[in-house]
């Protein structure tokens, strides 16, 4: 059994230094128990993956279907203005990790959330 599948939602598509727009809220849940979760931010064009980029949030052992929520602030996007890939990684009980973020393929104009809406986090 591999890593669980995630469903998630985000409160916005852009993060900036402007008060009221300086963060987005991410809520997610997994369809199976998991021992670890990480959210990482990587500037567009840079190598991304587990252990790469800025660690934005992490959670330890969590039961299936438990909603978790965290915020991504503009200060977390330390590589300056631009587009960022926000990746959600979850570890399965067997130790495998999976990038469950339902993005469009590399090079696409936008990313897509689990509910099919465009999602692109930018710092502007």
PDB file of N, CA and C in Angstrom:
ATOM      1  N   UNK A   1       0.850  -1.184   0.000  1.00  0.00           N
ATOM      2  CA  UNK A   1       0.000   0.000   0.000  1.00  0.00           C
ATOM      3  C   UNK A   1       0.886   1.235   0.000  1.00  0.00           C
ATOM      4  N   UNK A   2       0.808   2.078  -0.950  1.00  0.00           N
ATOM      5  CA  UNK A   2       1.647   3.266  -1.036  1.00  0.00           C
ATOM      6  C   UNK A   2       1.157   4.393  -0.166  1.00  0.00           C
ATOM      7  N   UNK A   3       1.604   5.562  -0.496  1.00  0.00           N
ATOM      8  CA  UNK A   3       1.234   6.757   0.249  1.00  0.00           C
ATOM      9  C   UNK A   3      -0.238   7.089   0.024  1.00  0.00           C
ATOM     10  N   UNK A   4      -0.895   7.686   1.009  1.00  0.00           N
ATOM     11  CA  UNK A   4      -2.306   8.048   0.885  1.00  0.00           C
ATOM     12  C   UNK A   4      -2.532   9.130  -0.178  1.00  0.00           C
ATOM     13  N   UNK A   5      -3.759   9.235  -0.606  1.00  0.00           N
ATOM     14  CA  UNK A   5      -4.168  10.325  -1.492  1.00  0.00           C
ATOM     15  C   UNK A   5      -4.639  11.495  -0.645  1.00  0.00           C
ATOM     16  N   UNK A   6      -4.351  12.707  -1.112  1.00  0.00           N
ATOM     17  CA  UNK A   6      -4.755  13.918  -0.405  1.00  0.00           C
ATOM     18  C   UNK A   6      -5.869  14.626  -1.163  1.00  0.00           C
ATOM     19  N   UNK A   7      -6.751  15.243  -0.414  1.00  0.00           N
ATOM     20  CA  UNK A   7      -7.666  16.236  -0.969  1.00  0.00           C
ATOM     21  C   UNK A   7      -7.358  17.520  -0.227  1.00  0.00           C
ATOM     22  N   UNK A   8      -7.448  18.657  -0.899  1.00  0.00           N
ATOM     23  CA  UNK A   8      -7.048  19.911  -0.274  1.00  0.00           C
ATOM     24  C   UNK A   8      -7.808  21.082  -0.876  1.00  0.00           C
ATOM     25  N   UNK A   9      -7.743  22.200  -0.174  1.00  0.00           N
ATOM     26  CA  UNK A   9      -8.283  23.460  -0.674  1.00  0.00           C
ATOM     27  C   UNK A   9      -7.349  24.579  -0.237  1.00  0.00           C
ATOM     28  N   UNK A  10      -7.384  25.690  -0.972  1.00  0.00           N
ATOM     29  CA  UNK A  10      -6.573  26.859  -0.647  1.00  0.00           C
ATOM     30  C   UNK A  10      -7.461  28.093  -0.663  1.00  0.00           C
ATOM     31  N   UNK A  11      -7.106  29.068   0.154  1.00  0.00           N
ATOM     32  CA  UNK A  11      -7.942  30.265   0.279  1.00  0.00           C
ATOM     33  C   UNK A  11      -7.646  31.326  -0.770  1.00  0.00           C
ATOM     34  N   UNK A  12      -6.568  31.182  -1.534  1.00  0.00           N
ATOM     35  CA  UNK A  12      -6.230  32.197  -2.526  1.00  0.00           C
ATOM     36  C   UNK A  12      -5.179  31.699  -3.481  1.00  0.00           C
ATOM     37  N   UNK A  13      -4.880  32.515  -4.471  1.00  0.00           N
ATOM     38  CA  UNK A  13      -3.925  32.138  -5.503  1.00  0.00           C
ATOM     39  C   UNK A  13      -2.670  32.994  -5.501  1.00  0.00           C
ATOM     40  N   UNK A  14      -2.670  34.069  -4.722  1.00  0.00           N
ATOM     41  CA  UNK A  14      -1.525  34.971  -4.722  1.00  0.00           C
ATOM     42  C   UNK A  14      -1.202  35.393  -3.291  1.00  0.00           C
ATOM     43  N   UNK A  15       0.079  35.466  -3.000  1.00  0.00           N
ATOM     44  CA  UNK A  15       0.573  35.911  -1.707  1.00  0.00           C
ATOM     45  C   UNK A  15       1.454  37.123  -1.964  1.00  0.00           C
ATOM     46  N   UNK A  16       1.277  38.184  -1.167  1.00  0.00           N
ATOM     47  CA  UNK A  16       2.108  39.371  -1.342  1.00  0.00           C
ATOM     48  C   UNK A  16       2.407  39.983   0.015  1.00  0.00           C
ATOM     49  N   UNK A  17       3.219  41.022   0.013  1.00  0.00           N
ATOM     50  CA  UNK A  17       3.550  41.723   1.241  1.00  0.00           C
ATOM     51  C   UNK A  17       2.456  42.680   1.680  1.00  0.00           C
ATOM     52  N   UNK A  18       1.384  42.786   0.914  1.00  0.00           N
ATOM     53  CA  UNK A  18       0.279  43.695   1.226  1.00  0.00           C
ATOM     54  C   UNK A  18      -0.569  43.093   2.345  1.00  0.00           C
ATOM     55  N   UNK A  19      -0.830  43.875   3.375  1.00  0.00           N
ATOM     56  CA  UNK A  19      -1.648  43.414   4.486  1.00  0.00           C
ATOM     57  C   UNK A  19      -2.977  42.880   3.972  1.00  0.00           C
ATOM     58  N   UNK A  20      -3.386  41.747   4.497  1.00  0.00           N
ATOM     59  CA  UNK A  20      -4.618  41.105   4.055  1.00  0.00           C
ATOM     60  C   UNK A  20      -4.403  40.118   2.922  1.00  0.00           C
ATOM     61  N   UNK A  21      -3.272  40.221   2.243  1.00  0.00           N
ATOM     62  CA  UNK A  21      -2.931  39.305   1.147  1.00  0.00           C
ATOM     63  C   UNK A  21      -1.585  38.621   1.402  1.00  0.00           C
ATOM     64  N   UNK A  22      -1.122  38.692   2.650  1.00  0.00           N
ATOM     65  CA  UNK A  22       0.215  38.204   2.971  1.00  0.00           C
ATOM     66  C   UNK A  22       0.271  36.710   3.285  1.00  0.00           C
ATOM     67  N   UNK A  23      -0.857  36.012   3.132  1.00  0.00           N
ATOM     68  CA  UNK A  23      -0.841  34.570   3.352  1.00  0.00           C
ATOM     69  C   UNK A  23      -2.047  33.906   2.683  1.00  0.00           C
ATOM     70  N   UNK A  24      -1.925  32.607   2.496  1.00  0.00           N
ATOM     71  CA  UNK A  24      -3.056  31.784   2.090  1.00  0.00           C
ATOM     72  C   UNK A  24      -3.198  30.679   3.126  1.00  0.00           C
ATOM     73  N   UNK A  25      -4.380  30.127   3.212  1.00  0.00           N
ATOM     74  CA  UNK A  25      -4.657  29.039   4.136  1.00  0.00           C
ATOM     75  C   UNK A  25      -4.856  27.764   3.320  1.00  0.00           C
ATOM     76  N   UNK A  26      -4.161  26.705   3.698  1.00  0.00           N
ATOM     77  CA  UNK A  26      -4.268  25.407   3.039  1.00  0.00           C
ATOM     78  C   UNK A  26      -4.893  24.428   4.025  1.00  0.00           C
ATOM     79  N   UNK A  27      -5.938  23.734   3.591  1.00  0.00           N
ATOM     80  CA  UNK A  27      -6.562  22.671   4.384  1.00  0.00           C
ATOM     81  C   UNK A  27      -6.470  21.384   3.581  1.00  0.00           C
ATOM     82  N   UNK A  28      -6.184  20.281   4.249  1.00  0.00           N
ATOM     83  CA  UNK A  28      -6.071  19.010   3.543  1.00  0.00           C
ATOM     84  C   UNK A  28      -6.439  17.863   4.467  1.00  0.00           C
ATOM     85  N   UNK A  29      -6.687  16.717   3.850  1.00  0.00           N
ATOM     86  CA  UNK A  29      -6.852  15.476   4.588  1.00  0.00           C
ATOM     87  C   UNK A  29      -6.444  14.320   3.697  1.00  0.00           C
ATOM     88  N   UNK A  30      -6.057  13.226   4.308  1.00  0.00           N
ATOM     89  CA  UNK A  30      -5.609  12.035   3.590  1.00  0.00           C
ATOM     90  C   UNK A  30      -6.634  10.919   3.763  1.00  0.00           C
ATOM     91  N   UNK A  31      -6.682  10.022   2.778  1.00  0.00           N
ATOM     92  CA  UNK A  31      -7.646   8.930   2.835  1.00  0.00           C
ATOM     93  C   UNK A  31      -7.131   7.712   3.612  1.00  0.00           C
ATOM     94  N   UNK A  32      -5.958   7.818   4.208  1.00  0.00           N
ATOM     95  CA  UNK A  32      -5.395   6.738   5.031  1.00  0.00           C
ATOM     96  C   UNK A  32      -4.504   7.364   6.107  1.00  0.00           C
ATOM     97  N   UNK A  33      -4.232   6.604   7.168  1.00  0.00           N
ATOM     98  CA  UNK A  33      -3.313   7.075   8.203  1.00  0.00           C
ATOM     99  C   UNK A  33      -1.958   7.379   7.576  1.00  0.00           C
ATOM    100  N   UNK A  34      -1.249   8.369   8.136  1.00  0.00           N
ATOM    101  CA  UNK A  34       0.102   8.655   7.648  1.00  0.00           C
ATOM    102  C   UNK A  34       1.001   9.064   8.806  1.00  0.00           C
ATOM    103  N   UNK A  35       2.290   8.692   8.722  1.00  0.00           N
ATOM    104  CA  UNK A  35       3.228   9.038   9.787  1.00  0.00           C
ATOM    105  C   UNK A  35       3.868  10.417   9.629  1.00  0.00           C
ATOM    106  N   UNK A  36       3.855  10.990   8.396  1.00  0.00           N
ATOM    107  CA  UNK A  36       4.500  12.289   8.194  1.00  0.00           C
ATOM    108  C   UNK A  36       3.926  12.997   6.967  1.00  0.00           C
ATOM    109  N   UNK A  37       3.935  14.317   7.037  1.00  0.00           N
ATOM    110  CA  UNK A  37       3.480  15.186   5.949  1.00  0.00           C
ATOM    111  C   UNK A  37       4.422  16.379   5.881  1.00  0.00           C
ATOM    112  N   UNK A  38       4.720  16.844   4.656  1.00  0.00           N
ATOM    113  CA  UNK A  38       5.510  18.059   4.456  1.00  0.00           C
ATOM    114  C   UNK A  38       4.894  18.884   3.341  1.00  0.00           C
ATOM    115  N   UNK A  39       4.922  20.196   3.509  1.00  0.00           N
ATOM    116  CA  UNK A  39       4.601  21.139   2.438  1.00  0.00           C
ATOM    117  C   UNK A  39       5.879  21.920   2.165  1.00  0.00           C
ATOM    118  N   UNK A  40       6.262  21.991   0.881  1.00  0.00           N
ATOM    119  CA  UNK A  40       7.489  22.692   0.495  1.00  0.00           C
ATOM    120  C   UNK A  40       7.197  23.688  -0.608  1.00  0.00           C
ATOM    121  N   UNK A  41       7.891  24.829  -0.562  1.00  0.00           N
ATOM    122  CA  UNK A  41       7.770  25.880  -1.575  1.00  0.00           C
ATOM    123  C   UNK A  41       9.075  25.963  -2.352  1.00  0.00           C
ATOM    124  N   UNK A  42       8.971  25.901  -3.667  1.00  0.00           N
ATOM    125  CA  UNK A  42      10.139  25.966  -4.541  1.00  0.00           C
ATOM    126  C   UNK A  42       9.854  26.974  -5.643  1.00  0.00           C
ATOM    127  N   UNK A  43      10.768  27.879  -5.872  1.00  0.00           N
ATOM    128  CA  UNK A  43      10.582  28.870  -6.928  1.00  0.00           C
ATOM    129  C   UNK A  43      10.520  28.183  -8.283  1.00  0.00           C
ATOM    130  N   UNK A  44       9.647  28.684  -9.150  1.00  0.00           N
ATOM    131  CA  UNK A  44       9.478  28.115 -10.487  1.00  0.00           C
ATOM    132  C   UNK A  44      10.818  28.010 -11.188  1.00  0.00           C
ATOM    133  N   UNK A  45      11.048  26.883 -11.841  1.00  0.00           N
ATOM    134  CA  UNK A  45      12.288  26.654 -12.573  1.00  0.00           C
ATOM    135  C   UNK A  45      13.365  25.984 -11.764  1.00  0.00           C
ATOM    136  N   UNK A  46      13.206  25.929 -10.445  1.00  0.00           N
ATOM    137  CA  UNK A  46      14.195  25.264  -9.609  1.00  0.00           C
ATOM    138  C   UNK A  46      13.795  23.810  -9.379  1.00  0.00           C
ATOM    139  N   UNK A  47      14.780  22.986  -9.038  1.00  0.00           N
ATOM    140  CA  UNK A  47      14.529  21.587  -8.762  1.00  0.00           C
ATOM    141  C   UNK A  47      13.616  21.481  -7.540  1.00  0.00           C
ATOM    142  N   UNK A  48      12.599  20.652  -7.627  1.00  0.00           N
ATOM    143  CA  UNK A  48      11.660  20.481  -6.525  1.00  0.00           C
ATOM    144  C   UNK A  48      11.549  19.007  -6.168  1.00  0.00           C
ATOM    145  N   UNK A  49      11.037  18.747  -5.004  1.00  0.00           N
ATOM    146  CA  UNK A  49      10.827  17.376  -4.562  1.00  0.00           C
ATOM    147  C   UNK A  49      10.955  17.275  -3.053  1.00  0.00           C
ATOM    148  N   UNK A  50      10.791  16.090  -2.554  1.00  0.00           N
ATOM    149  CA  UNK A  50      10.890  15.850  -1.121  1.00  0.00           C
ATOM    150  C   UNK A  50      12.266  16.287  -0.627  1.00  0.00           C
ATOM    151  N   UNK A  51      12.302  17.108   0.402  1.00  0.00           N
ATOM    152  CA  UNK A  51      13.565  17.579   0.964  1.00  0.00           C
ATOM    153  C   UNK A  51      14.169  18.764   0.239  1.00  0.00           C
ATOM    154  N   UNK A  52      13.494  19.284  -0.792  1.00  0.00           N
ATOM    155  CA  UNK A  52      14.021  20.426  -1.553  1.00  0.00           C
ATOM    156  C   UNK A  52      13.118  21.631  -1.358  1.00  0.00           C
ATOM    157  N   UNK A  53      13.709  22.807  -1.451  1.00  0.00           N
ATOM    158  CA  UNK A  53      12.945  24.027  -1.256  1.00  0.00           C
ATOM    159  C   UNK A  53      12.766  24.333   0.217  1.00  0.00           C
ATOM    160  N   UNK A  54      11.865  25.252   0.495  1.00  0.00           N
ATOM    161  CA  UNK A  54      11.614  25.703   1.858  1.00  0.00           C
ATOM    162  C   UNK A  54      10.518  24.851   2.485  1.00  0.00           C
ATOM    163  N   UNK A  55      10.790  24.300   3.667  1.00  0.00           N
ATOM    164  CA  UNK A  55       9.774  23.561   4.404  1.00  0.00           C
ATOM    165  C   UNK A  55       8.795  24.575   4.983  1.00  0.00           C
ATOM    166  N   UNK A  56       7.552  24.533   4.524  1.00  0.00           N
ATOM    167  CA  UNK A  56       6.525  25.494   4.926  1.00  0.00           C
ATOM    168  C   UNK A  56       5.700  24.963   6.094  1.00  0.00           C
ATOM    169  N   UNK A  57       5.410  23.660   6.077  1.00  0.00           N
ATOM    170  CA  UNK A  57       4.610  23.052   7.145  1.00  0.00           C
ATOM    171  C   UNK A  57       4.935  21.565   7.208  1.00  0.00           C
ATOM    172  N   UNK A  58       4.768  20.987   8.387  1.00  0.00           N
ATOM    173  CA  UNK A  58       4.925  19.543   8.539  1.00  0.00           C
ATOM    174  C   UNK A  58       4.024  19.069   9.670  1.00  0.00           C
ATOM    175  N   UNK A  59       3.596  17.819   9.549  1.00  0.00           N
ATOM    176  CA  UNK A  59       2.765  17.183  10.571  1.00  0.00           C
ATOM    177  C   UNK A  59       3.273  15.771  10.779  1.00  0.00           C
ATOM    178  N   UNK A  60       3.082  15.258  11.989  1.00  0.00           N
ATOM    179  CA  UNK A  60       3.468  13.883  12.285  1.00  0.00           C
ATOM    180  C   UNK A  60       2.231  12.993  12.221  1.00  0.00           C
ATOM    181  N   UNK A  61       2.317  11.823  12.791  1.00  0.00           N
ATOM    182  CA  UNK A  61       1.284  10.792  12.707  1.00  0.00           C
ATOM    183  C   UNK A  61      -0.123  11.377  12.813  1.00  0.00           C
ATOM    184  N   UNK A  62      -0.929  11.047  11.801  1.00  0.00           N
ATOM    185  CA  UNK A  62      -2.288  11.575  11.717  1.00  0.00           C
ATOM    186  C   UNK A  62      -3.227  10.485  11.203  1.00  0.00           C
ATOM    187  N   UNK A  63      -4.384  10.317  11.853  1.00  0.00           N
ATOM    188  CA  UNK A  63      -5.355   9.325  11.379  1.00  0.00           C
ATOM    189  C   UNK A  63      -5.986   9.734  10.045  1.00  0.00           C
ATOM    190  N   UNK A  64      -6.481   8.764   9.318  1.00  0.00           N
ATOM    191  CA  UNK A  64      -7.170   9.009   8.046  1.00  0.00           C
ATOM    192  C   UNK A  64      -8.341   9.972   8.241  1.00  0.00           C
ATOM    193  N   UNK A  65      -8.596  10.777   7.224  1.00  0.00           N
ATOM    194  CA  UNK A  65      -9.741  11.693   7.162  1.00  0.00           C
ATOM    195  C   UNK A  65      -9.752  12.740   8.278  1.00  0.00           C
ATOM    196  N   UNK A  66      -8.575  13.064   8.800  1.00  0.00           N
ATOM    197  CA  UNK A  66      -8.440  14.137   9.790  1.00  0.00           C
ATOM    198  C   UNK A  66      -7.988  15.390   9.056  1.00  0.00           C
ATOM    199  N   UNK A  67      -8.793  16.445   9.129  1.00  0.00           N
ATOM    200  CA  UNK A  67      -8.428  17.668   8.427  1.00  0.00           C
ATOM    201  C   UNK A  67      -7.336  18.413   9.181  1.00  0.00           C
ATOM    202  N   UNK A  68      -6.323  18.841   8.427  1.00  0.00           N
ATOM    203  CA  UNK A  68      -5.231  19.668   8.949  1.00  0.00           C
ATOM    204  C   UNK A  68      -5.245  20.978   8.182  1.00  0.00           C
ATOM    205  N   UNK A  69      -4.850  22.053   8.841  1.00  0.00           N
ATOM    206  CA  UNK A  69      -4.839  23.378   8.224  1.00  0.00           C
ATOM    207  C   UNK A  69      -3.550  24.090   8.607  1.00  0.00           C
ATOM    208  N   UNK A  70      -2.975  24.818   7.639  1.00  0.00           N
ATOM    209  CA  UNK A  70      -1.798  25.630   7.906  1.00  0.00           C
ATOM    210  C   UNK A  70      -1.824  26.843   6.979  1.00  0.00           C
ATOM    211  N   UNK A  71      -0.976  27.809   7.280  1.00  0.00           N
ATOM    212  CA  UNK A  71      -0.900  29.037   6.494  1.00  0.00           C
ATOM    213  C   UNK A  71       0.460  29.138   5.816  1.00  0.00           C
ATOM    214  N   UNK A  72       0.458  29.704   4.614  1.00  0.00           N
ATOM    215  CA  UNK A  72       1.698  29.998   3.893  1.00  0.00           C
ATOM    216  C   UNK A  72       1.796  31.514   3.795  1.00  0.00           C
ATOM    217  N   UNK A  73       2.793  32.096   4.456  1.00  0.00           N
ATOM    218  CA  UNK A  73       3.000  33.545   4.465  1.00  0.00           C
ATOM    219  C   UNK A  73       4.015  33.957   3.403  1.00  0.00           C
ATOM    220  N   UNK A  74       3.920  35.214   2.972  1.00  0.00           N
ATOM    221  CA  UNK A  74       4.853  35.725   1.964  1.00  0.00           C
ATOM    222  C   UNK A  74       6.298  35.602   2.438  1.00  0.00           C
ATOM    223  N   UNK A  75       6.528  35.695   3.732  1.00  0.00           N
ATOM    224  CA  UNK A  75       7.883  35.567   4.276  1.00  0.00           C
ATOM    225  C   UNK A  75       8.471  34.175   4.051  1.00  0.00           C
ATOM    226  N   UNK A  76       7.610  33.166   3.843  1.00  0.00           N
ATOM    227  CA  UNK A  76       8.086  31.794   3.621  1.00  0.00           C
ATOM    228  C   UNK A  76       8.688  31.637   2.232  1.00  0.00           C
ATOM    229  N   UNK A  77       8.326  32.521   1.300  1.00  0.00           N
ATOM    230  CA  UNK A  77       8.781  32.430  -0.090  1.00  0.00           C
ATOM    231  C   UNK A  77      10.034  33.276  -0.212  1.00  0.00           C
ATOM    232  N   UNK A  78      11.139  32.719   0.258  1.00  0.00           N
ATOM    233  CA  UNK A  78      12.363  33.487   0.490  1.00  0.00           C
ATOM    234  C   UNK A  78      13.192  33.765  -0.752  1.00  0.00           C
ATOM    235  N   UNK A  79      12.818  33.225  -1.895  1.00  0.00           N
ATOM    236  CA  UNK A  79      13.586  33.461  -3.114  1.00  0.00           C
ATOM    237  C   UNK A  79      13.103  34.694  -3.874  1.00  0.00           C
ATOM    238  N   UNK A  80      12.300  35.527  -3.225  1.00  0.00           N
ATOM    239  CA  UNK A  80      11.850  36.772  -3.850  1.00  0.00           C
ATOM    240  C   UNK A  80      10.582  36.621  -4.659  1.00  0.00           C
ATOM    241  N   UNK A  81      10.220  37.695  -5.356  1.00  0.00           N
ATOM    242  CA  UNK A  81       8.998  37.708  -6.144  1.00  0.00           C
ATOM    243  C   UNK A  81       9.048  36.676  -7.259  1.00  0.00           C
ATOM    244  N   UNK A  82       7.887  36.173  -7.637  1.00  0.00           N
ATOM    245  CA  UNK A  82       7.799  35.216  -8.739  1.00  0.00           C
ATOM    246  C   UNK A  82       6.816  34.105  -8.443  1.00  0.00           C
ATOM    247  N   UNK A  83       6.798  33.129  -9.324  1.00  0.00           N
ATOM    248  CA  UNK A  83       5.913  31.979  -9.182  1.00  0.00           C
ATOM    249  C   UNK A  83       6.603  30.902  -8.356  1.00  0.00           C
ATOM    250  N   UNK A  84       5.823  30.209  -7.525  1.00  0.00           N
ATOM    251  CA  UNK A  84       6.342  29.141  -6.685  1.00  0.00           C
ATOM    252  C   UNK A  84       5.498  27.881  -6.858  1.00  0.00           C
ATOM    253  N   UNK A  85       6.156  26.755  -6.835  1.00  0.00           N
ATOM    254  CA  UNK A  85       5.453  25.479  -6.775  1.00  0.00           C
ATOM    255  C   UNK A  85       5.272  25.172  -5.294  1.00  0.00           C
ATOM    256  N   UNK A  86       4.042  24.934  -4.891  1.00  0.00           N
ATOM    257  CA  UNK A  86       3.737  24.531  -3.527  1.00  0.00           C
ATOM    258  C   UNK A  86       3.410  23.050  -3.586  1.00  0.00           C
ATOM    259  N   UNK A  87       4.272  22.219  -3.006  1.00  0.00           N
ATOM    260  CA  UNK A  87       4.134  20.766  -3.091  1.00  0.00           C
ATOM    261  C   UNK A  87       3.713  20.185  -1.758  1.00  0.00           C
ATOM    262  N   UNK A  88       2.776  19.249  -1.806  1.00  0.00           N
ATOM    263  CA  UNK A  88       2.326  18.530  -0.623  1.00  0.00           C
ATOM    264  C   UNK A  88       2.834  17.097  -0.721  1.00  0.00           C
ATOM    265  N   UNK A  89       3.580  16.673   0.280  1.00  0.00           N
ATOM    266  CA  UNK A  89       4.143  15.326   0.314  1.00  0.00           C
ATOM    267  C   UNK A  89       3.606  14.595   1.535  1.00  0.00           C
ATOM    268  N   UNK A  90       3.200  13.359   1.356  1.00  0.00           N
ATOM    269  CA  UNK A  90       2.700  12.560   2.470  1.00  0.00           C
ATOM    270  C   UNK A  90       3.388  11.202   2.434  1.00  0.00           C
ATOM    271  N   UNK A  91       3.688  10.672   3.622  1.00  0.00           N
ATOM    272  CA  UNK A  91       4.362   9.388   3.738  1.00  0.00           C
ATOM    273  C   UNK A  91       3.343   8.307   4.079  1.00  0.00           C
ATOM    274  N   UNK A  92       3.439   7.180   3.403  1.00  0.00           N
ATOM    275  CA  UNK A  92       2.576   6.043   3.692  1.00  0.00           C
ATOM    276  C   UNK A  92       3.094   5.242   4.875  1.00  0.00           C
ATOM    277  N   UNK A  93       2.248   4.389   5.404  1.00  0.00           N
ATOM    278  CA  UNK A  93       2.631   3.530   6.518  1.00  0.00           C
ATOM    279  C   UNK A  93       3.798   2.612   6.143  1.00  0.00           C
ATOM    280  N   UNK A  94       3.987   2.353   4.828  1.00  0.00           N
ATOM    281  CA  UNK A  94       5.087   1.500   4.382  1.00  0.00           C
ATOM    282  C   UNK A  94       6.396   2.269   4.218  1.00  0.00           C
ATOM    283  N   UNK A  95       6.379   3.581   4.523  1.00  0.00           N
ATOM    284  CA  UNK A  95       7.585   4.402   4.443  1.00  0.00           C
ATOM    285  C   UNK A  95       7.760   5.138   3.127  1.00  0.00           C
ATOM    286  N   UNK A  96       6.957   4.826   2.114  1.00  0.00           N
ATOM    287  CA  UNK A  96       7.071   5.506   0.821  1.00  0.00           C
ATOM    288  C   UNK A  96       6.466   6.902   0.896  1.00  0.00           C
ATOM    289  N   UNK A  97       7.028   7.812   0.105  1.00  0.00           N
ATOM    290  CA  UNK A  97       6.530   9.182   0.026  1.00  0.00           C
ATOM    291  C   UNK A  97       5.877   9.379  -1.326  1.00  0.00           C
ATOM    292  N   UNK A  98       4.908  10.257  -1.371  1.00  0.00           N
ATOM    293  CA  UNK A  98       4.194  10.516  -2.608  1.00  0.00           C
ATOM    294  C   UNK A  98       3.891  12.006  -2.708  1.00  0.00           C
ATOM    295  N   UNK A  99       4.102  12.580  -3.891  1.00  0.00           N
ATOM    296  CA  UNK A  99       3.683  13.953  -4.154  1.00  0.00           C
ATOM    297  C   UNK A  99       2.261  13.850  -4.674  1.00  0.00           C
ATOM    298  N   UNK A 100       1.309  14.099  -3.804  1.00  0.00           N
ATOM    299  CA  UNK A 100      -0.095  13.915  -4.151  1.00  0.00           C
ATOM    300  C   UNK A 100      -0.755  15.185  -4.670  1.00  0.00           C
ATOM    301  N   UNK A 101      -0.008  16.233  -4.852  1.00  0.00           N
ATOM    302  CA  UNK A 101      -0.564  17.479  -5.347  1.00  0.00           C
ATOM    303  C   UNK A 101      -0.938  17.277  -6.809  1.00  0.00           C
ATOM    304  N   UNK A 102      -2.182  17.502  -7.153  1.00  0.00           N
ATOM    305  CA  UNK A 102      -2.671  17.209  -8.501  1.00  0.00           C
ATOM    306  C   UNK A 102      -2.347  18.344  -9.460  1.00  0.00           C
ATOM    307  N   UNK A 103      -1.068  18.501  -9.772  1.00  0.00           N
ATOM    308  CA  UNK A 103      -0.630  19.534 -10.692  1.00  0.00           C
ATOM    309  C   UNK A 103      -0.797  19.096 -12.133  1.00  0.00           C
ATOM    310  N   UNK A 104      -0.891  20.072 -13.026  1.00  0.00           N
ATOM    311  CA  UNK A 104      -0.778  19.793 -14.451  1.00  0.00           C
ATOM    312  C   UNK A 104       0.680  19.452 -14.739  1.00  0.00           C
ATOM    313  N   UNK A 105       0.978  18.825 -15.850  1.00  0.00           N
ATOM    314  CA  UNK A 105       2.369  18.486 -16.159  1.00  0.00           C
ATOM    315  C   UNK A 105       3.287  19.706 -16.186  1.00  0.00           C
ATOM    316  N   UNK A 106       4.565  19.471 -15.974  1.00  0.00           N
ATOM    317  CA  UNK A 106       5.563  20.527 -15.980  1.00  0.00           C
ATOM    318  C   UNK A 106       5.481  21.333 -17.259  1.00  0.00           C
ATOM    319  N   UNK A 107       5.594  22.644 -17.147  1.00  0.00           N
ATOM    320  CA  UNK A 107       5.532  23.528 -18.300  1.00  0.00           C
ATOM    321  C   UNK A 107       4.144  24.073 -18.561  1.00  0.00           C
ATOM    322  N   UNK A 108       3.143  23.586 -17.836  1.00  0.00           N
ATOM    323  CA  UNK A 108       1.780  24.077 -18.027  1.00  0.00           C
ATOM    324  C   UNK A 108       1.655  25.475 -17.437  1.00  0.00           C
ATOM    325  N   UNK A 109       0.646  26.209 -17.859  1.00  0.00           N
ATOM    326  CA  UNK A 109       0.468  27.589 -17.428  1.00  0.00           C
ATOM    327  C   UNK A 109      -0.063  27.708 -16.006  1.00  0.00           C
ATOM    328  N   UNK A 110      -0.733  26.677 -15.498  1.00  0.00           N
ATOM    329  CA  UNK A 110      -1.326  26.766 -14.164  1.00  0.00           C
ATOM    330  C   UNK A 110      -1.339  25.393 -13.523  1.00  0.00           C
ATOM    331  N   UNK A 111      -1.479  25.380 -12.218  1.00  0.00           N
ATOM    332  CA  UNK A 111      -1.637  24.152 -11.466  1.00  0.00           C
ATOM    333  C   UNK A 111      -3.115  23.976 -11.164  1.00  0.00           C
ATOM    334  N   UNK A 112      -3.528  22.762 -10.850  1.00  0.00           N
ATOM    335  CA  UNK A 112      -4.938  22.479 -10.604  1.00  0.00           C
ATOM    336  C   UNK A 112      -5.090  21.845  -9.224  1.00  0.00           C
ATOM    337  N   UNK A 113      -6.071  22.326  -8.459  1.00  0.00           N
ATOM    338  CA  UNK A 113      -6.346  21.759  -7.147  1.00  0.00           C
ATOM    339  C   UNK A 113      -7.172  20.491  -7.303  1.00  0.00           C
ATOM    340  N   UNK A 114      -7.384  19.781  -6.204  1.00  0.00           N
ATOM    341  CA  UNK A 114      -8.148  18.541  -6.235  1.00  0.00           C
ATOM    342  C   UNK A 114      -9.579  18.773  -6.723  1.00  0.00           C
ATOM    343  N   UNK A 115     -10.111  19.972  -6.515  1.00  0.00           N
ATOM    344  CA  UNK A 115     -11.465  20.246  -6.985  1.00  0.00           C
ATOM    345  C   UNK A 115     -11.489  20.813  -8.397  1.00  0.00           C
ATOM    346  N   UNK A 116     -10.341  20.786  -9.096  1.00  0.00           N
ATOM    347  CA  UNK A 116     -10.286  21.182 -10.500  1.00  0.00           C
ATOM    348  C   UNK A 116     -10.094  22.664 -10.758  1.00  0.00           C
ATOM    349  N   UNK A 117      -9.899  23.464  -9.721  1.00  0.00           N
ATOM    350  CA  UNK A 117      -9.696  24.905  -9.916  1.00  0.00           C
ATOM    351  C   UNK A 117      -8.229  25.212 -10.131  1.00  0.00           C
ATOM    352  N   UNK A 118      -7.954  26.244 -10.923  1.00  0.00           N
ATOM    353  CA  UNK A 118      -6.562  26.660 -11.142  1.00  0.00           C
ATOM    354  C   UNK A 118      -5.972  27.133  -9.827  1.00  0.00           C
ATOM    355  N   UNK A 119      -4.709  26.794  -9.610  1.00  0.00           N
ATOM    356  CA  UNK A 119      -4.019  27.223  -8.399  1.00  0.00           C
ATOM    357  C   UNK A 119      -2.585  27.514  -8.771  1.00  0.00           C
ATOM    358  N   UNK A 120      -2.170  28.725  -8.524  1.00  0.00           N
ATOM    359  CA  UNK A 120      -0.795  29.101  -8.741  1.00  0.00           C
ATOM    360  C   UNK A 120      -0.448  30.090  -7.648  1.00  0.00           C
ATOM    361  N   UNK A 121       0.492  29.739  -6.798  1.00  0.00           N
ATOM    362  CA  UNK A 121       0.881  30.625  -5.719  1.00  0.00           C
ATOM    363  C   UNK A 121       2.018  31.505  -6.207  1.00  0.00           C
ATOM    364  N   UNK A 122       1.838  32.796  -6.110  1.00  0.00           N
ATOM    365  CA  UNK A 122       2.849  33.738  -6.549  1.00  0.00           C
ATOM    366  C   UNK A 122       3.113  34.718  -5.428  1.00  0.00           C
ATOM    367  N   UNK A 123       4.310  35.222  -5.389  1.00  0.00           N
ATOM    368  CA  UNK A 123       4.630  36.320  -4.490  1.00  0.00           C
ATOM    369  C   UNK A 123       4.863  37.530  -5.357  1.00  0.00           C
ATOM    370  N   UNK A 124       4.041  38.541  -5.205  1.00  0.00           N
ATOM    371  CA  UNK A 124       4.125  39.686  -6.099  1.00  0.00           C
ATOM    372  C   UNK A 124       4.241  40.992  -5.411  1.00  0.00           C
TER     373      UNK A 124
END
